[in-house]
Amino acid sequence: MVGEGGEINLLEIEFFRKAYEKVLQQGKEEGLKEGIQKGLREGLKEGLKEGLKEGLKEAIELVLLSKFGDKAKGVIKKVKQIDDLKKLKELKKQVLKVKSLKDFERKLNSKR
């Protein structure tokens, strides 16, 4: 590698420079690939969560309308504004149990 006079050959320098660039490029490509995969996983996870929320809202709305008719429209508006998945799951259970719209409103307005 080092020439007779202690010099580094220009061809060797060029070889190492190209090797370094190749390794650097491979690292960038792998990093990009991993980033894309992670982004897709996160996006899918978030999309599924949002889809579940919307499905729960629709289910609650259908039950409210079938049980209480148009009187439930104001309550349905409030349900549609909820973004907490845990709260929506709880309301789905409650909407099947309640006997009156007032009972459901109390559940809706509770912190739990």
PDB file of N, CA and C in Angstrom:
ATOM      1  N   MET A   1       0.810  -1.192   0.000  1.00  0.00           N
ATOM      2  CA  MET A   1       0.000   0.000   0.000  1.00  0.00           C
ATOM      3  C   MET A   1       0.852   1.254   0.000  1.00  0.00           C
ATOM      4  N   VAL A   2       1.788   1.270   0.869  1.00  0.00           N
ATOM      5  CA  VAL A   2       2.675   2.424   0.907  1.00  0.00           C
ATOM      6  C   VAL A   2       3.834   2.143  -0.034  1.00  0.00           C
ATOM      7  N   GLY A   3       4.112   3.113  -0.887  1.00  0.00           N
ATOM      8  CA  GLY A   3       5.180   2.947  -1.869  1.00  0.00           C
ATOM      9  C   GLY A   3       6.546   2.893  -1.199  1.00  0.00           C
ATOM     10  N   GLU A   4       7.566   2.703  -2.032  1.00  0.00           N
ATOM     11  CA  GLU A   4       8.926   2.568  -1.517  1.00  0.00           C
ATOM     12  C   GLU A   4       9.361   3.795  -0.742  1.00  0.00           C
ATOM     13  N   GLY A   5       8.946   4.942  -1.146  1.00  0.00           N
ATOM     14  CA  GLY A   5       9.358   6.169  -0.473  1.00  0.00           C
ATOM     15  C   GLY A   5       8.405   6.559   0.640  1.00  0.00           C
ATOM     16  N   GLY A   6       7.538   5.638   1.078  1.00  0.00           N
ATOM     17  CA  GLY A   6       6.578   5.951   2.124  1.00  0.00           C
ATOM     18  C   GLY A   6       5.356   6.666   1.587  1.00  0.00           C
ATOM     19  N   GLU A   7       5.204   6.686   0.274  1.00  0.00           N
ATOM     20  CA  GLU A   7       4.066   7.378  -0.330  1.00  0.00           C
ATOM     21  C   GLU A   7       2.905   6.419  -0.517  1.00  0.00           C
ATOM     22  N   ILE A   8       1.718   6.957  -0.433  1.00  0.00           N
ATOM     23  CA  ILE A   8       0.524   6.159  -0.698  1.00  0.00           C
ATOM     24  C   ILE A   8       0.222   6.310  -2.172  1.00  0.00           C
ATOM     25  N   ASN A   9       0.019   5.213  -2.819  1.00  0.00           N
ATOM     26  CA  ASN A   9      -0.268   5.174  -4.241  1.00  0.00           C
ATOM     27  C   ASN A   9      -1.613   5.840  -4.510  1.00  0.00           C
ATOM     28  N   LEU A  10      -1.696   6.671  -5.533  1.00  0.00           N
ATOM     29  CA  LEU A  10      -2.942   7.358  -5.885  1.00  0.00           C
ATOM     30  C   LEU A  10      -4.048   6.380  -6.260  1.00  0.00           C
ATOM     31  N   LEU A  11      -3.685   5.269  -6.870  1.00  0.00           N
ATOM     32  CA  LEU A  11      -4.690   4.257  -7.210  1.00  0.00           C
ATOM     33  C   LEU A  11      -5.303   3.659  -5.949  1.00  0.00           C
ATOM     34  N   GLU A  12      -4.465   3.464  -4.944  1.00  0.00           N
ATOM     35  CA  GLU A  12      -4.971   2.926  -3.685  1.00  0.00           C
ATOM     36  C   GLU A  12      -5.893   3.924  -3.003  1.00  0.00           C
ATOM     37  N   ILE A  13      -5.536   5.175  -3.048  1.00  0.00           N
ATOM     38  CA  ILE A  13      -6.394   6.215  -2.466  1.00  0.00           C
ATOM     39  C   ILE A  13      -7.746   6.212  -3.162  1.00  0.00           C
ATOM     40  N   GLU A  14      -7.719   6.149  -4.470  1.00  0.00           N
ATOM     41  CA  GLU A  14      -8.965   6.131  -5.247  1.00  0.00           C
ATOM     42  C   GLU A  14      -9.786   4.883  -4.915  1.00  0.00           C
ATOM     43  N   PHE A  15      -9.102   3.739  -4.781  1.00  0.00           N
ATOM     44  CA  PHE A  15      -9.783   2.489  -4.434  1.00  0.00           C
ATOM     45  C   PHE A  15     -10.497   2.622  -3.082  1.00  0.00           C
ATOM     46  N   PHE A  16      -9.803   3.140  -2.080  1.00  0.00           N
ATOM     47  CA  PHE A  16     -10.396   3.286  -0.750  1.00  0.00           C
ATOM     48  C   PHE A  16     -11.514   4.327  -0.743  1.00  0.00           C
ATOM     49  N   ARG A  17     -11.355   5.370  -1.534  1.00  0.00           N
ATOM     50  CA  ARG A  17     -12.400   6.392  -1.619  1.00  0.00           C
ATOM     51  C   ARG A  17     -13.675   5.794  -2.198  1.00  0.00           C
ATOM     52  N   LYS A  18     -13.531   5.009  -3.265  1.00  0.00           N
ATOM     53  CA  LYS A  18     -14.695   4.374  -3.897  1.00  0.00           C
ATOM     54  C   LYS A  18     -15.326   3.342  -2.961  1.00  0.00           C
ATOM     55  N   ALA A  19     -14.486   2.586  -2.269  1.00  0.00           N
ATOM     56  CA  ALA A  19     -15.002   1.588  -1.323  1.00  0.00           C
ATOM     57  C   ALA A  19     -15.782   2.282  -0.205  1.00  0.00           C
ATOM     58  N   TYR A  20     -15.230   3.381   0.287  1.00  0.00           N
ATOM     59  CA  TYR A  20     -15.897   4.150   1.341  1.00  0.00           C
ATOM     60  C   TYR A  20     -17.242   4.678   0.846  1.00  0.00           C
ATOM     61  N   GLU A  21     -17.266   5.238  -0.349  1.00  0.00           N
ATOM     62  CA  GLU A  21     -18.510   5.768  -0.917  1.00  0.00           C
ATOM     63  C   GLU A  21     -19.550   4.660  -1.091  1.00  0.00           C
ATOM     64  N   LYS A  22     -19.084   3.485  -1.516  1.00  0.00           N
ATOM     65  CA  LYS A  22     -20.000   2.353  -1.709  1.00  0.00           C
ATOM     66  C   LYS A  22     -20.606   1.920  -0.371  1.00  0.00           C
ATOM     67  N   VAL A  23     -19.771   1.805   0.645  1.00  0.00           N
ATOM     68  CA  VAL A  23     -20.257   1.426   1.977  1.00  0.00           C
ATOM     69  C   VAL A  23     -21.216   2.492   2.505  1.00  0.00           C
ATOM     70  N   LEU A  24     -20.871   3.733   2.304  1.00  0.00           N
ATOM     71  CA  LEU A  24     -21.725   4.837   2.741  1.00  0.00           C
ATOM     72  C   LEU A  24     -23.077   4.782   2.035  1.00  0.00           C
ATOM     73  N   GLN A  25     -23.063   4.549   0.738  1.00  0.00           N
ATOM     74  CA  GLN A  25     -24.301   4.464  -0.039  1.00  0.00           C
ATOM     75  C   GLN A  25     -25.152   3.289   0.431  1.00  0.00           C
ATOM     76  N   GLN A  26     -24.517   2.139   0.669  1.00  0.00           N
ATOM     77  CA  GLN A  26     -25.257   0.969   1.159  1.00  0.00           C
ATOM     78  C   GLN A  26     -25.897   1.267   2.516  1.00  0.00           C
ATOM     79  N   GLY A  27     -25.155   1.958   3.358  1.00  0.00           N
ATOM     80  CA  GLY A  27     -25.688   2.330   4.674  1.00  0.00           C
ATOM     81  C   GLY A  27     -26.897   3.241   4.543  1.00  0.00           C
ATOM     82  N   LYS A  28     -26.802   4.204   3.630  1.00  0.00           N
ATOM     83  CA  LYS A  28     -27.927   5.113   3.400  1.00  0.00           C
ATOM     84  C   LYS A  28     -29.141   4.346   2.883  1.00  0.00           C
ATOM     85  N   GLU A  29     -28.910   3.439   1.940  1.00  0.00           N
ATOM     86  CA  GLU A  29     -30.010   2.655   1.369  1.00  0.00           C
ATOM     87  C   GLU A  29     -30.672   1.781   2.428  1.00  0.00           C
ATOM     88  N   GLU A  30     -29.855   1.139   3.263  1.00  0.00           N
ATOM     89  CA  GLU A  30     -30.407   0.297   4.324  1.00  0.00           C
ATOM     90  C   GLU A  30     -31.185   1.143   5.325  1.00  0.00           C
ATOM     91  N   GLY A  31     -30.638   2.294   5.670  1.00  0.00           N
ATOM     92  CA  GLY A  31     -31.328   3.197   6.595  1.00  0.00           C
ATOM     93  C   GLY A  31     -32.650   3.675   6.021  1.00  0.00           C
ATOM     94  N   LEU A  32     -32.640   4.015   4.741  1.00  0.00           N
ATOM     95  CA  LEU A  32     -33.867   4.460   4.076  1.00  0.00           C
ATOM     96  C   LEU A  32     -34.897   3.338   4.045  1.00  0.00           C
ATOM     97  N   LYS A  33     -34.432   2.140   3.717  1.00  0.00           N
ATOM     98  CA  LYS A  33     -35.332   0.982   3.661  1.00  0.00           C
ATOM     99  C   LYS A  33     -35.961   0.730   5.034  1.00  0.00           C
ATOM    100  N   GLU A  34     -35.136   0.755   6.076  1.00  0.00           N
ATOM    101  CA  GLU A  34     -35.649   0.557   7.436  1.00  0.00           C
ATOM    102  C   GLU A  34     -36.621   1.662   7.813  1.00  0.00           C
ATOM    103  N   GLY A  35     -36.298   2.885   7.437  1.00  0.00           N
ATOM    104  CA  GLY A  35     -37.182   4.014   7.735  1.00  0.00           C
ATOM    105  C   GLY A  35     -38.533   3.875   7.047  1.00  0.00           C
ATOM    106  N   ILE A  36     -38.502   3.450   5.801  1.00  0.00           N
ATOM    107  CA  ILE A  36     -39.748   3.259   5.053  1.00  0.00           C
ATOM    108  C   ILE A  36     -40.574   2.150   5.691  1.00  0.00           C
ATOM    109  N   GLN A  37     -39.924   1.047   6.030  1.00  0.00           N
ATOM    110  CA  GLN A  37     -40.644  -0.071   6.655  1.00  0.00           C
ATOM    111  C   GLN A  37     -41.262   0.347   7.984  1.00  0.00           C
ATOM    112  N   LYS A  38     -40.503   1.072   8.778  1.00  0.00           N
ATOM    113  CA  LYS A  38     -41.022   1.536  10.070  1.00  0.00           C
ATOM    114  C   LYS A  38     -42.187   2.492   9.848  1.00  0.00           C
ATOM    115  N   GLY A  39     -42.045   3.378   8.891  1.00  0.00           N
ATOM    116  CA  GLY A  39     -43.122   4.318   8.583  1.00  0.00           C
ATOM    117  C   GLY A  39     -44.386   3.606   8.131  1.00  0.00           C
ATOM    118  N   LEU A  40     -44.227   2.585   7.311  1.00  0.00           N
ATOM    119  CA  LEU A  40     -45.387   1.810   6.859  1.00  0.00           C
ATOM    120  C   LEU A  40     -46.060   1.092   8.019  1.00  0.00           C
ATOM    121  N   ARG A  41     -45.239   0.498   8.886  1.00  0.00           N
ATOM    122  CA  ARG A  41     -45.807  -0.194  10.058  1.00  0.00           C
ATOM    123  C   ARG A  41     -46.582   0.780  10.935  1.00  0.00           C
ATOM    124  N   GLU A  42     -45.967   1.926  11.217  1.00  0.00           N
ATOM    125  CA  GLU A  42     -46.623   2.927  12.066  1.00  0.00           C
ATOM    126  C   GLU A  42     -47.887   3.460  11.398  1.00  0.00           C
ATOM    127  N   GLY A  43     -47.803   3.694  10.098  1.00  0.00           N
ATOM    128  CA  GLY A  43     -48.965   4.192   9.363  1.00  0.00           C
ATOM    129  C   GLY A  43     -50.105   3.192   9.364  1.00  0.00           C
ATOM    130  N   LEU A  44     -49.784   1.936   9.174  1.00  0.00           N
ATOM    131  CA  LEU A  44     -50.804   0.884   9.188  1.00  0.00           C
ATOM    132  C   LEU A  44     -51.436   0.780  10.567  1.00  0.00           C
ATOM    133  N   LYS A  45     -50.602   0.801  11.583  1.00  0.00           N
ATOM    134  CA  LYS A  45     -51.091   0.715  12.966  1.00  0.00           C
ATOM    135  C   LYS A  45     -52.038   1.875  13.268  1.00  0.00           C
ATOM    136  N   GLU A  46     -51.633   3.075  12.898  1.00  0.00           N
ATOM    137  CA  GLU A  46     -52.463   4.265  13.143  1.00  0.00           C
ATOM    138  C   GLU A  46     -53.744   4.207  12.323  1.00  0.00           C
ATOM    139  N   GLY A  47     -53.640   3.741  11.088  1.00  0.00           N
ATOM    140  CA  GLY A  47     -54.822   3.619  10.236  1.00  0.00           C
ATOM    141  C   GLY A  47     -55.829   2.630  10.796  1.00  0.00           C
ATOM    142  N   LEU A  48     -55.344   1.514  11.306  1.00  0.00           N
ATOM    143  CA  LEU A  48     -56.229   0.519  11.914  1.00  0.00           C
ATOM    144  C   LEU A  48     -56.914   1.084  13.153  1.00  0.00           C
ATOM    145  N   LYS A  49     -56.156   1.825  13.936  1.00  0.00           N
ATOM    146  CA  LYS A  49     -56.711   2.437  15.149  1.00  0.00           C
ATOM    147  C   LYS A  49     -57.812   3.433  14.788  1.00  0.00           C
ATOM    148  N   GLU A  50     -57.553   4.266  13.790  1.00  0.00           N
ATOM    149  CA  GLU A  50     -58.559   5.243  13.359  1.00  0.00           C
ATOM    150  C   GLU A  50     -59.789   4.546  12.791  1.00  0.00           C
ATOM    151  N   GLY A  51     -59.572   3.479  12.044  1.00  0.00           N
ATOM    152  CA  GLY A  51     -60.687   2.716  11.495  1.00  0.00           C
ATOM    153  C   GLY A  51     -61.539   2.102  12.595  1.00  0.00           C
ATOM    154  N   LEU A  52     -60.893   1.600  13.631  1.00  0.00           N
ATOM    155  CA  LEU A  52     -61.611   1.028  14.765  1.00  0.00           C
ATOM    156  C   LEU A  52     -62.449   2.095  15.464  1.00  0.00           C
ATOM    157  N   LYS A  53     -61.868   3.271  15.659  1.00  0.00           N
ATOM    158  CA  LYS A  53     -62.612   4.373  16.288  1.00  0.00           C
ATOM    159  C   LYS A  53     -63.861   4.710  15.483  1.00  0.00           C
ATOM    160  N   GLU A  54     -63.693   4.835  14.180  1.00  0.00           N
ATOM    161  CA  GLU A  54     -64.839   5.178  13.326  1.00  0.00           C
ATOM    162  C   GLU A  54     -65.898   4.081  13.359  1.00  0.00           C
ATOM    163  N   GLY A  55     -65.465   2.834  13.367  1.00  0.00           N
ATOM    164  CA  GLY A  55     -66.402   1.719  13.441  1.00  0.00           C
ATOM    165  C   GLY A  55     -67.187   1.719  14.743  1.00  0.00           C
ATOM    166  N   LEU A  56     -66.509   1.997  15.847  1.00  0.00           N
ATOM    167  CA  LEU A  56     -67.184   2.069  17.142  1.00  0.00           C
ATOM    168  C   LEU A  56     -68.194   3.211  17.169  1.00  0.00           C
ATOM    169  N   LYS A  57     -67.810   4.355  16.622  1.00  0.00           N
ATOM    170  CA  LYS A  57     -68.729   5.500  16.576  1.00  0.00           C
ATOM    171  C   LYS A  57     -69.980   5.152  15.778  1.00  0.00           C
ATOM    172  N   GLU A  58     -69.793   4.500  14.647  1.00  0.00           N
ATOM    173  CA  GLU A  58     -70.938   4.120  13.812  1.00  0.00           C
ATOM    174  C   GLU A  58     -71.829   3.110  14.524  1.00  0.00           C
ATOM    175  N   ALA A  59     -71.221   2.155  15.214  1.00  0.00           N
ATOM    176  CA  ALA A  59     -72.002   1.152  15.940  1.00  0.00           C
ATOM    177  C   ALA A  59     -72.826   1.805  17.048  1.00  0.00           C
ATOM    178  N   ILE A  60     -72.201   2.700  17.795  1.00  0.00           N
ATOM    179  CA  ILE A  60     -72.907   3.408  18.868  1.00  0.00           C
ATOM    180  C   ILE A  60     -74.055   4.222  18.284  1.00  0.00           C
ATOM    181  N   GLU A  61     -73.780   4.904  17.179  1.00  0.00           N
ATOM    182  CA  GLU A  61     -74.812   5.710  16.520  1.00  0.00           C
ATOM    183  C   GLU A  61     -76.003   4.842  16.098  1.00  0.00           C
ATOM    184  N   LEU A  62     -75.739   3.712  15.496  1.00  0.00           N
ATOM    185  CA  LEU A  62     -76.820   2.825  15.047  1.00  0.00           C
ATOM    186  C   LEU A  62     -77.681   2.341  16.208  1.00  0.00           C
ATOM    187  N   VAL A  63     -77.031   1.965  17.296  1.00  0.00           N
ATOM    188  CA  VAL A  63     -77.789   1.487  18.456  1.00  0.00           C
ATOM    189  C   VAL A  63     -78.606   2.625  19.055  1.00  0.00           C
ATOM    190  N   LEU A  64     -78.001   3.798  19.191  1.00  0.00           N
ATOM    191  CA  LEU A  64     -78.735   4.946  19.741  1.00  0.00           C
ATOM    192  C   LEU A  64     -79.951   5.281  18.886  1.00  0.00           C
ATOM    193  N   LEU A  65     -79.769   5.304  17.577  1.00  0.00           N
ATOM    194  CA  LEU A  65     -80.894   5.619  16.686  1.00  0.00           C
ATOM    195  C   LEU A  65     -81.979   4.548  16.756  1.00  0.00           C
ATOM    196  N   SER A  66     -81.566   3.296  16.839  1.00  0.00           N
ATOM    197  CA  SER A  66     -82.581   2.234  16.880  1.00  0.00           C
ATOM    198  C   SER A  66     -83.324   2.220  18.215  1.00  0.00           C
ATOM    199  N   LYS A  67     -82.641   2.583  19.309  1.00  0.00           N
ATOM    200  CA  LYS A  67     -83.283   2.577  20.625  1.00  0.00           C
ATOM    201  C   LYS A  67     -84.081   3.852  20.904  1.00  0.00           C
ATOM    202  N   PHE A  68     -83.527   5.002  20.486  1.00  0.00           N
ATOM    203  CA  PHE A  68     -84.104   6.275  20.918  1.00  0.00           C
ATOM    204  C   PHE A  68     -84.530   7.198  19.780  1.00  0.00           C
ATOM    205  N   GLY A  69     -84.293   6.787  18.545  1.00  0.00           N
ATOM    206  CA  GLY A  69     -84.722   7.569  17.392  1.00  0.00           C
ATOM    207  C   GLY A  69     -84.014   8.909  17.280  1.00  0.00           C
ATOM    208  N   ASP A  70     -84.714   9.877  16.706  1.00  0.00           N
ATOM    209  CA  ASP A  70     -84.129  11.201  16.446  1.00  0.00           C
ATOM    210  C   ASP A  70     -83.741  11.952  17.712  1.00  0.00           C
ATOM    211  N   LYS A  71     -84.306  11.570  18.852  1.00  0.00           N
ATOM    212  CA  LYS A  71     -83.941  12.230  20.117  1.00  0.00           C
ATOM    213  C   LYS A  71     -82.449  12.056  20.416  1.00  0.00           C
ATOM    214  N   ALA A  72     -81.833  11.064  19.814  1.00  0.00           N
ATOM    215  CA  ALA A  72     -80.428  10.752  20.094  1.00  0.00           C
ATOM    216  C   ALA A  72     -79.445  11.582  19.270  1.00  0.00           C
ATOM    217  N   LYS A  73     -79.935  12.379  18.334  1.00  0.00           N
ATOM    218  CA  LYS A  73     -79.026  13.091  17.412  1.00  0.00           C
ATOM    219  C   LYS A  73     -78.013  13.988  18.123  1.00  0.00           C
ATOM    220  N   GLY A  74     -78.426  14.695  19.162  1.00  0.00           N
ATOM    221  CA  GLY A  74     -77.498  15.555  19.908  1.00  0.00           C
ATOM    222  C   GLY A  74     -76.405  14.755  20.599  1.00  0.00           C
ATOM    223  N   VAL A  75     -76.797  13.629  21.153  1.00  0.00           N
ATOM    224  CA  VAL A  75     -75.834  12.753  21.829  1.00  0.00           C
ATOM    225  C   VAL A  75     -74.870  12.151  20.806  1.00  0.00           C
ATOM    226  N   ILE A  76     -75.397  11.806  19.653  1.00  0.00           N
ATOM    227  CA  ILE A  76     -74.561  11.231  18.589  1.00  0.00           C
ATOM    228  C   ILE A  76     -73.478  12.223  18.166  1.00  0.00           C
ATOM    229  N   LYS A  77     -73.828  13.499  18.105  1.00  0.00           N
ATOM    230  CA  LYS A  77     -72.823  14.525  17.763  1.00  0.00           C
ATOM    231  C   LYS A  77     -71.664  14.487  18.756  1.00  0.00           C
ATOM    232  N   LYS A  78     -72.011  14.349  20.032  1.00  0.00           N
ATOM    233  CA  LYS A  78     -70.968  14.300  21.069  1.00  0.00           C
ATOM    234  C   LYS A  78     -70.101  13.050  20.909  1.00  0.00           C
ATOM    235  N   VAL A  79     -70.741  11.927  20.619  1.00  0.00           N
ATOM    236  CA  VAL A  79     -70.000  10.670  20.442  1.00  0.00           C
ATOM    237  C   VAL A  79     -69.013  10.809  19.288  1.00  0.00           C
ATOM    238  N   LYS A  80     -69.439  11.447  18.213  1.00  0.00           N
ATOM    239  CA  LYS A  80     -68.577  11.597  17.033  1.00  0.00           C
ATOM    240  C   LYS A  80     -67.340  12.444  17.305  1.00  0.00           C
ATOM    241  N   GLN A  81     -67.373  13.242  18.369  1.00  0.00           N
ATOM    242  CA  GLN A  81     -66.230  14.100  18.703  1.00  0.00           C
ATOM    243  C   GLN A  81     -65.189  13.393  19.572  1.00  0.00           C
ATOM    244  N   ILE A  82     -65.525  12.223  20.060  1.00  0.00           N
ATOM    245  CA  ILE A  82     -64.614  11.494  20.955  1.00  0.00           C
ATOM    246  C   ILE A  82     -63.477  10.868  20.142  1.00  0.00           C
ATOM    247  N   ASP A  83     -62.252  11.034  20.646  1.00  0.00           N
ATOM    248  CA  ASP A  83     -61.077  10.483  19.967  1.00  0.00           C
ATOM    249  C   ASP A  83     -60.387   9.400  20.806  1.00  0.00           C
ATOM    250  N   ASP A  84     -60.894   9.175  22.008  1.00  0.00           N
ATOM    251  CA  ASP A  84     -60.299   8.219  22.938  1.00  0.00           C
ATOM    252  C   ASP A  84     -60.862   6.821  22.681  1.00  0.00           C
ATOM    253  N   LEU A  85     -60.018   5.922  22.199  1.00  0.00           N
ATOM    254  CA  LEU A  85     -60.441   4.564  21.850  1.00  0.00           C
ATOM    255  C   LEU A  85     -61.021   3.825  23.055  1.00  0.00           C
ATOM    256  N   LYS A  86     -60.372   3.969  24.197  1.00  0.00           N
ATOM    257  CA  LYS A  86     -60.837   3.302  25.417  1.00  0.00           C
ATOM    258  C   LYS A  86     -62.251   3.774  25.789  1.00  0.00           C
ATOM    259  N   LYS A  87     -62.482   5.064  25.701  1.00  0.00           N
ATOM    260  CA  LYS A  87     -63.803   5.638  26.013  1.00  0.00           C
ATOM    261  C   LYS A  87     -64.851   5.099  25.040  1.00  0.00           C
ATOM    262  N   LEU A  88     -64.515   5.025  23.769  1.00  0.00           N
ATOM    263  CA  LEU A  88     -65.462   4.519  22.768  1.00  0.00           C
ATOM    264  C   LEU A  88     -65.809   3.051  23.022  1.00  0.00           C
ATOM    265  N   LYS A  89     -64.821   2.267  23.405  1.00  0.00           N
ATOM    266  CA  LYS A  89     -65.082   0.854  23.712  1.00  0.00           C
ATOM    267  C   LYS A  89     -66.034   0.732  24.901  1.00  0.00           C
ATOM    268  N   GLU A  90     -65.814   1.558  25.912  1.00  0.00           N
ATOM    269  CA  GLU A  90     -66.683   1.546  27.091  1.00  0.00           C
ATOM    270  C   GLU A  90     -68.103   1.974  26.719  1.00  0.00           C
ATOM    271  N   LEU A  91     -68.224   3.009  25.900  1.00  0.00           N
ATOM    272  CA  LEU A  91     -69.548   3.485  25.484  1.00  0.00           C
ATOM    273  C   LEU A  91     -70.284   2.437  24.652  1.00  0.00           C
ATOM    274  N   LYS A  92     -69.536   1.677  23.872  1.00  0.00           N
ATOM    275  CA  LYS A  92     -70.163   0.612  23.077  1.00  0.00           C
ATOM    276  C   LYS A  92     -70.835  -0.405  23.993  1.00  0.00           C
ATOM    277  N   LYS A  93     -70.163  -0.744  25.086  1.00  0.00           N
ATOM    278  CA  LYS A  93     -70.755  -1.671  26.055  1.00  0.00           C
ATOM    279  C   LYS A  93     -71.982  -1.047  26.716  1.00  0.00           C
ATOM    280  N   GLN A  94     -71.841   0.220  27.091  1.00  0.00           N
ATOM    281  CA  GLN A  94     -72.910   0.898  27.826  1.00  0.00           C
ATOM    282  C   GLN A  94     -74.159   1.123  26.983  1.00  0.00           C
ATOM    283  N   VAL A  95     -73.980   1.421  25.710  1.00  0.00           N
ATOM    284  CA  VAL A  95     -75.130   1.733  24.858  1.00  0.00           C
ATOM    285  C   VAL A  95     -76.074   0.535  24.764  1.00  0.00           C
ATOM    286  N   LEU A  96     -75.543  -0.654  24.912  1.00  0.00           N
ATOM    287  CA  LEU A  96     -76.377  -1.858  24.860  1.00  0.00           C
ATOM    288  C   LEU A  96     -77.126  -2.088  26.173  1.00  0.00           C
ATOM    289  N   LYS A  97     -76.584  -1.570  27.274  1.00  0.00           N
ATOM    290  CA  LYS A  97     -77.156  -1.808  28.600  1.00  0.00           C
ATOM    291  C   LYS A  97     -78.174  -0.758  29.037  1.00  0.00           C
ATOM    292  N   VAL A  98     -77.978   0.487  28.621  1.00  0.00           N
ATOM    293  CA  VAL A  98     -78.797   1.580  29.160  1.00  0.00           C
ATOM    294  C   VAL A  98     -80.262   1.441  28.760  1.00  0.00           C
ATOM    295  N   LYS A  99     -81.122   1.930  29.664  1.00  0.00           N
ATOM    296  CA  LYS A  99     -82.566   1.884  29.421  1.00  0.00           C
ATOM    297  C   LYS A  99     -83.086   3.209  28.876  1.00  0.00           C
ATOM    298  N   SER A 100     -82.333   4.280  29.121  1.00  0.00           N
ATOM    299  CA  SER A 100     -82.804   5.591  28.655  1.00  0.00           C
ATOM    300  C   SER A 100     -81.649   6.384  28.047  1.00  0.00           C
ATOM    301  N   LEU A 101     -82.008   7.359  27.259  1.00  0.00           N
ATOM    302  CA  LEU A 101     -81.015   8.243  26.648  1.00  0.00           C
ATOM    303  C   LEU A 101     -80.277   9.030  27.726  1.00  0.00           C
ATOM    304  N   LYS A 102     -81.002   9.417  28.782  1.00  0.00           N
ATOM    305  CA  LYS A 102     -80.376  10.151  29.896  1.00  0.00           C
ATOM    306  C   LYS A 102     -79.281   9.306  30.552  1.00  0.00           C
ATOM    307  N   ASP A 103     -79.555   8.012  30.725  1.00  0.00           N
ATOM    308  CA  ASP A 103     -78.539   7.122  31.307  1.00  0.00           C
ATOM    309  C   ASP A 103     -77.283   7.101  30.432  1.00  0.00           C
ATOM    310  N   PHE A 104     -77.492   7.023  29.129  1.00  0.00           N
ATOM    311  CA  PHE A 104     -76.337   7.000  28.229  1.00  0.00           C
ATOM    312  C   PHE A 104     -75.580   8.328  28.288  1.00  0.00           C
ATOM    313  N   GLU A 105     -76.313   9.434  28.350  1.00  0.00           N
ATOM    314  CA  GLU A 105     -75.658  10.753  28.442  1.00  0.00           C
ATOM    315  C   GLU A 105     -74.805  10.845  29.695  1.00  0.00           C
ATOM    316  N   ARG A 106     -75.286  10.285  30.798  1.00  0.00           N
ATOM    317  CA  ARG A 106     -74.488  10.297  32.033  1.00  0.00           C
ATOM    318  C   ARG A 106     -73.186   9.520  31.826  1.00  0.00           C
ATOM    319  N   LYS A 107     -73.284   8.382  31.171  1.00  0.00           N
ATOM    320  CA  LYS A 107     -72.084   7.581  30.883  1.00  0.00           C
ATOM    321  C   LYS A 107     -71.144   8.352  29.951  1.00  0.00           C
ATOM    322  N   LEU A 108     -71.736   9.014  28.990  1.00  0.00           N
ATOM    323  CA  LEU A 108     -70.965   9.789  28.017  1.00  0.00           C
ATOM    324  C   LEU A 108     -70.204  10.923  28.699  1.00  0.00           C
ATOM    325  N   ASN A 109     -70.846  11.564  29.656  1.00  0.00           N
ATOM    326  CA  ASN A 109     -70.242  12.718  30.325  1.00  0.00           C
ATOM    327  C   ASN A 109     -69.338  12.349  31.492  1.00  0.00           C
ATOM    328  N   SER A 110     -69.353  11.073  31.890  1.00  0.00           N
ATOM    329  CA  SER A 110     -68.494  10.664  33.005  1.00  0.00           C
ATOM    330  C   SER A 110     -67.038  10.638  32.538  1.00  0.00           C
ATOM    331  N   LYS A 111     -66.145  10.815  33.464  1.00  0.00           N
ATOM    332  CA  LYS A 111     -64.706  10.858  33.144  1.00  0.00           C
ATOM    333  C   LYS A 111     -64.166   9.484  32.805  1.00  0.00           C
ATOM    334  N   ARG A 112     -64.797   8.450  33.230  1.00  0.00           N
ATOM    335  CA  ARG A 112     -64.369   7.078  32.981  1.00  0.00           C
ATOM    336  C   ARG A 112     -64.605   6.631  31.596  1.00  0.00           C
TER     337      ARG A 112
END
